[in-house]
Amino acid sequence: MKKISPSTRLKEIITDYQLDQIFPGDCLSQLDLVLYQAGDYICRQGSEQDVIPYFLKGRLKIIHSLENGSDTILEIQEKPGLLGEIELLLDRVCISSVIADQDSLVVQLPAQHFKKRLLFDPTFLRSTAKTLAEKLHQINYLAPANFHYSVKERLATHFLEHCDENGTLKPKMNQLALRFGISYRHLSRVIKQMIDEGLIKREGRVYTILDRKRMGDLSIKHTETTDRKL
């Protein structure tokens, strides 16, 4: 972890990320700009959160560890957003760990001095409520998929959602197996099957989608329902 001298860069970040719509005005100048290097913990499961962090850019992995020693990757986060909001609102220790998967930029406030201030600020609470609603919305999509869709279908969905414009991606297979809740060997078998079927190809650690249509047919389709007005 490396604290970066704010100067003019913090002002630019506040503008670029619209942080004035998240934090109250008197807190903005107190934000610390911090670079978390790959492998650094931002939140540690079972520990109190001593900072209130807002993720700007990079890549994070959110991991939950069980008492039997097994880990599950709940999410790979690349989108900016507040971290540890549940623990902040409920005043509890961290339920999961947030680890920088690559060098990641964060702004943060010391919880000891700003927690009470933020919990009574309508701007911060409104932003936090929106963030929590978006995460709950995503969980409502993803949780059923873990039970009702095959690894192959989930893998096709992951490839399509995370590939670049050329259909290529470089996934971390150990992390992907943890996220899917399966063994590395099981994941490797499914990938080999998809390669044999001509859906994807592999060159070293890079995978390329060869047949977007069939991958699309195989992927999970999320259907949203809308409430009808009475």
Protein backbone atom coordinates (compact mmCIF):
# COMPACT_ATOMS: atom_id res chain seq x y z
CA MET A 1 0.00 0.00 0.00
CA LYS A 2 1.36 3.38 -0.97
CA LYS A 3 -0.20 6.72 -0.12
CA ILE A 4 -0.02 9.18 -3.00
CA SER A 5 0.40 12.88 -2.40
CA PRO A 6 -2.97 14.43 -3.30
CA SER A 7 -2.13 17.83 -4.81
CA THR A 8 -4.05 18.54 -8.01
CA ARG A 9 -4.57 14.88 -8.88
CA LEU A 10 -7.14 14.42 -6.11
CA LYS A 11 -9.14 17.35 -7.45
CA GLU A 12 -9.17 15.76 -10.90
CA ILE A 13 -10.26 12.42 -9.45
CA ILE A 14 -13.10 14.05 -7.50
CA THR A 15 -14.34 15.56 -10.76
CA ASP A 16 -13.75 12.51 -12.98
CA TYR A 17 -15.46 10.06 -10.61
CA GLN A 18 -18.13 12.51 -9.38
CA LEU A 19 -17.13 11.88 -5.79
CA ASP A 20 -19.03 15.00 -4.75
CA GLN A 21 -22.20 12.97 -5.37
CA ILE A 22 -21.00 10.30 -2.93
CA PHE A 23 -19.12 12.04 -0.11
CA PRO A 24 -20.20 15.25 1.66
CA GLY A 25 -18.30 18.35 0.63
CA ASP A 26 -16.35 18.76 3.86
CA CYS A 27 -14.96 15.21 3.51
CA LEU A 28 -13.62 15.54 -0.02
CA SER A 29 -10.46 17.39 0.94
CA GLN A 30 -9.75 14.75 3.59
CA LEU A 31 -9.70 11.82 1.17
CA ASP A 32 -6.44 9.90 0.99
CA LEU A 33 -5.37 8.69 -2.44
CA VAL A 34 -3.86 5.22 -2.04
CA LEU A 35 -2.30 2.72 -4.43
CA TYR A 36 -2.86 -0.87 -3.34
CA GLN A 37 -0.36 -3.18 -5.00
CA ALA A 38 -1.31 -6.65 -6.25
CA GLY A 39 -1.83 -8.92 -3.25
CA ASP A 40 -2.55 -6.10 -0.78
CA TYR A 41 -5.64 -6.45 1.41
CA ILE A 42 -8.09 -3.55 1.38
CA CYS A 43 -10.56 -5.40 3.63
CA ARG A 44 -9.68 -8.53 5.60
CA GLN A 45 -12.32 -11.06 6.60
CA GLY A 46 -12.91 -11.13 10.36
CA SER A 47 -11.19 -7.79 10.97
CA GLU A 48 -12.63 -4.37 11.69
CA GLN A 49 -12.51 -1.98 8.78
CA ASP A 50 -10.41 1.01 9.82
CA VAL A 51 -10.90 2.93 6.57
CA ILE A 52 -13.86 3.75 4.35
CA PRO A 53 -12.55 2.94 0.85
CA TYR A 54 -13.89 3.86 -2.57
CA PHE A 55 -12.37 1.84 -5.43
CA LEU A 56 -11.41 3.87 -8.51
CA LYS A 57 -9.58 1.64 -10.98
CA GLY A 58 -7.61 -1.56 -11.25
CA ARG A 59 -8.99 -5.01 -10.40
CA LEU A 60 -10.09 -6.49 -7.09
CA LYS A 61 -11.06 -9.97 -6.02
CA ILE A 62 -13.60 -10.45 -3.26
CA ILE A 63 -13.03 -13.71 -1.40
CA HIS A 64 -14.92 -15.50 1.36
CA SER A 65 -13.05 -18.13 3.38
CA LEU A 66 -14.75 -21.02 5.19
CA GLU A 67 -13.63 -22.65 8.43
CA ASN A 68 -12.56 -25.78 6.54
CA GLY A 69 -9.94 -23.73 4.71
CA SER A 70 -11.70 -23.48 1.34
CA ASP A 71 -12.00 -20.13 -0.42
CA THR A 72 -14.64 -18.87 -2.81
CA ILE A 73 -14.18 -15.91 -5.12
CA LEU A 74 -17.47 -14.05 -4.90
CA GLU A 75 -16.62 -11.40 -7.46
CA ILE A 76 -13.91 -9.87 -9.59
CA GLN A 77 -14.52 -6.13 -9.43
CA GLU A 78 -13.30 -3.66 -12.02
CA LYS A 79 -16.10 -1.11 -11.74
CA PRO A 80 -15.60 1.88 -9.39
CA GLY A 81 -17.56 1.73 -6.17
CA LEU A 82 -17.67 1.87 -2.40
CA LEU A 83 -16.23 -1.09 -0.49
CA GLY A 84 -17.31 -2.44 2.89
CA GLU A 85 -20.64 -0.62 2.93
CA ILE A 86 -22.45 -3.51 4.66
CA GLU A 87 -19.92 -3.59 7.48
CA LEU A 88 -20.10 0.19 7.76
CA LEU A 89 -23.88 0.27 8.07
CA LEU A 90 -24.15 -2.74 10.39
CA ASP A 91 -21.04 -1.91 12.42
CA ARG A 92 -19.62 -5.41 12.00
CA VAL A 93 -16.29 -6.96 11.09
CA CYS A 94 -15.59 -7.68 7.43
CA ILE A 95 -17.56 -10.68 6.18
CA SER A 96 -15.21 -11.15 3.20
CA SER A 97 -11.74 -10.10 2.10
CA VAL A 98 -11.10 -7.59 -0.66
CA ILE A 99 -7.68 -8.05 -2.26
CA ALA A 100 -6.02 -6.11 -5.06
CA ASP A 101 -5.70 -8.53 -7.98
CA GLN A 102 -3.55 -5.97 -9.75
CA ASP A 103 -2.31 -2.52 -8.77
CA SER A 104 -5.48 -0.62 -7.84
CA LEU A 105 -6.23 3.00 -7.00
CA VAL A 106 -8.49 3.81 -4.06
CA VAL A 107 -9.56 6.92 -2.16
CA GLN A 108 -10.37 6.43 1.49
CA LEU A 109 -11.26 8.11 4.76
CA PRO A 110 -10.22 7.01 8.27
CA ALA A 111 -13.31 5.31 9.71
CA GLN A 112 -12.60 6.48 13.25
CA HIS A 113 -13.05 10.14 12.33
CA PHE A 114 -15.64 10.01 9.55
CA LYS A 115 -17.89 7.00 10.15
CA LYS A 116 -20.49 8.82 12.26
CA ARG A 117 -20.42 11.82 9.93
CA LEU A 118 -21.14 9.69 6.87
CA LEU A 119 -23.88 7.63 8.50
CA PHE A 120 -25.91 10.80 9.00
CA ASP A 121 -25.24 12.32 5.59
CA PRO A 122 -28.14 11.97 3.10
CA THR A 123 -25.89 12.19 0.02
CA PHE A 124 -23.65 9.37 1.20
CA LEU A 125 -26.57 7.21 2.38
CA ARG A 126 -28.43 7.65 -0.92
CA SER A 127 -25.32 6.64 -2.89
CA THR A 128 -24.73 3.67 -0.58
CA ALA A 129 -28.34 2.52 -0.91
CA LYS A 130 -28.04 2.61 -4.69
CA THR A 131 -24.80 0.61 -4.60
CA LEU A 132 -26.33 -2.03 -2.33
CA ALA A 133 -29.42 -2.26 -4.53
CA GLU A 134 -27.26 -2.83 -7.62
CA LYS A 135 -25.29 -5.56 -5.85
CA LEU A 136 -28.48 -7.26 -4.65
CA HIS A 137 -29.85 -7.06 -8.18
CA GLN A 138 -26.72 -8.78 -9.48
CA ILE A 139 -26.90 -11.47 -6.80
CA ASN A 140 -30.48 -12.23 -7.82
CA TYR A 141 -29.13 -12.97 -11.30
CA LEU A 142 -26.00 -14.87 -10.37
CA ALA A 143 -27.14 -17.01 -7.45
CA PRO A 144 -29.69 -19.08 -9.43
CA ALA A 145 -27.13 -19.58 -12.21
CA ASN A 146 -24.81 -21.42 -9.83
CA PHE A 147 -27.52 -24.00 -9.19
CA HIS A 148 -29.39 -24.31 -12.47
CA TYR A 149 -26.79 -23.85 -15.23
CA SER A 150 -23.92 -26.10 -16.22
CA VAL A 151 -20.27 -25.11 -15.94
CA LYS A 152 -20.16 -24.97 -19.73
CA GLU A 153 -23.01 -22.47 -19.88
CA ARG A 154 -21.52 -20.35 -17.11
CA LEU A 155 -18.10 -20.46 -18.79
CA ALA A 156 -19.55 -19.34 -22.13
CA THR A 157 -21.23 -16.44 -20.34
CA HIS A 158 -18.00 -15.47 -18.59
CA PHE A 159 -16.00 -15.56 -21.84
CA LEU A 160 -18.52 -13.36 -23.66
CA GLU A 161 -18.75 -10.85 -20.82
CA HIS A 162 -15.00 -10.47 -20.29
CA CYS A 163 -13.45 -10.81 -23.75
CA ASP A 164 -12.13 -7.83 -25.71
CA GLU A 165 -13.38 -6.68 -29.12
CA ASN A 166 -11.35 -9.44 -30.77
CA GLY A 167 -12.97 -12.12 -28.63
CA THR A 168 -9.81 -12.80 -26.63
CA LEU A 169 -9.21 -12.94 -22.89
CA LYS A 170 -6.58 -14.15 -20.47
CA PRO A 171 -8.44 -15.59 -17.47
CA LYS A 172 -6.80 -16.74 -14.26
CA MET A 173 -7.98 -20.33 -14.22
CA ASN A 174 -7.41 -20.95 -10.51
CA GLN A 175 -9.55 -17.93 -9.68
CA LEU A 176 -12.20 -18.97 -12.17
CA ALA A 177 -12.43 -22.44 -10.64
CA LEU A 178 -12.81 -20.90 -7.18
CA ARG A 179 -15.48 -18.53 -8.44
CA PHE A 180 -17.45 -21.38 -10.02
CA GLY A 181 -17.02 -23.53 -6.93
CA ILE A 182 -15.43 -26.41 -8.86
CA SER A 183 -12.02 -28.06 -9.04
CA TYR A 184 -9.33 -26.87 -11.44
CA ARG A 185 -9.42 -30.32 -13.07
CA HIS A 186 -13.17 -30.09 -13.70
CA LEU A 187 -12.76 -26.64 -15.24
CA SER A 188 -9.93 -27.89 -17.47
CA ARG A 189 -12.11 -30.73 -18.76
CA VAL A 190 -14.91 -28.36 -19.71
CA ILE A 191 -12.51 -26.00 -21.47
CA LYS A 192 -10.99 -28.88 -23.42
CA GLN A 193 -14.48 -29.92 -24.48
CA MET A 194 -15.21 -26.38 -25.72
CA ILE A 195 -11.92 -26.36 -27.64
CA ASP A 196 -12.69 -29.74 -29.21
CA GLU A 197 -16.11 -28.44 -30.27
CA GLY A 198 -14.56 -25.44 -32.01
CA LEU A 199 -16.10 -22.87 -29.68
CA ILE A 200 -12.79 -21.45 -28.48
CA LYS A 201 -9.07 -21.88 -29.05
CA ARG A 202 -6.13 -21.59 -26.70
CA GLU A 203 -2.69 -20.15 -27.36
CA GLY A 204 -0.62 -20.29 -24.20
CA ARG A 205 -2.71 -18.57 -21.53
CA VAL A 206 -4.81 -16.62 -24.04
CA TYR A 207 -8.23 -17.86 -25.15
CA THR A 208 -10.09 -16.69 -28.24
CA ILE A 209 -13.76 -17.16 -29.06
CA LEU A 210 -14.11 -18.81 -32.48
CA ASP A 211 -17.89 -19.07 -32.75
CA ARG A 212 -19.73 -16.18 -31.12
CA LYS A 213 -23.14 -17.37 -32.27
CA ARG A 214 -22.86 -20.79 -30.66
CA MET A 215 -21.28 -19.27 -27.58
CA GLY A 216 -24.18 -16.83 -27.41
CA ASP A 217 -26.70 -19.65 -27.75
CA LEU A 218 -24.93 -21.48 -24.94
CA SER A 219 -24.62 -18.49 -22.61
CA ILE A 220 -27.04 -17.59 -19.84
CA LYS A 221 -29.80 -15.18 -20.81
CA HIS A 222 -30.99 -12.91 -18.06
CA THR A 223 -34.60 -11.83 -18.42
CA GLU A 224 -35.74 -8.87 -16.40
CA THR A 225 -39.32 -8.50 -15.32
CA THR A 226 -40.99 -5.16 -14.89
CA ASP A 227 -43.80 -4.33 -12.52
CA ARG A 228 -47.01 -3.46 -14.24
CA LYS A 229 -48.64 -0.23 -13.19
CA LEU A 230 -52.07 -0.79 -11.69
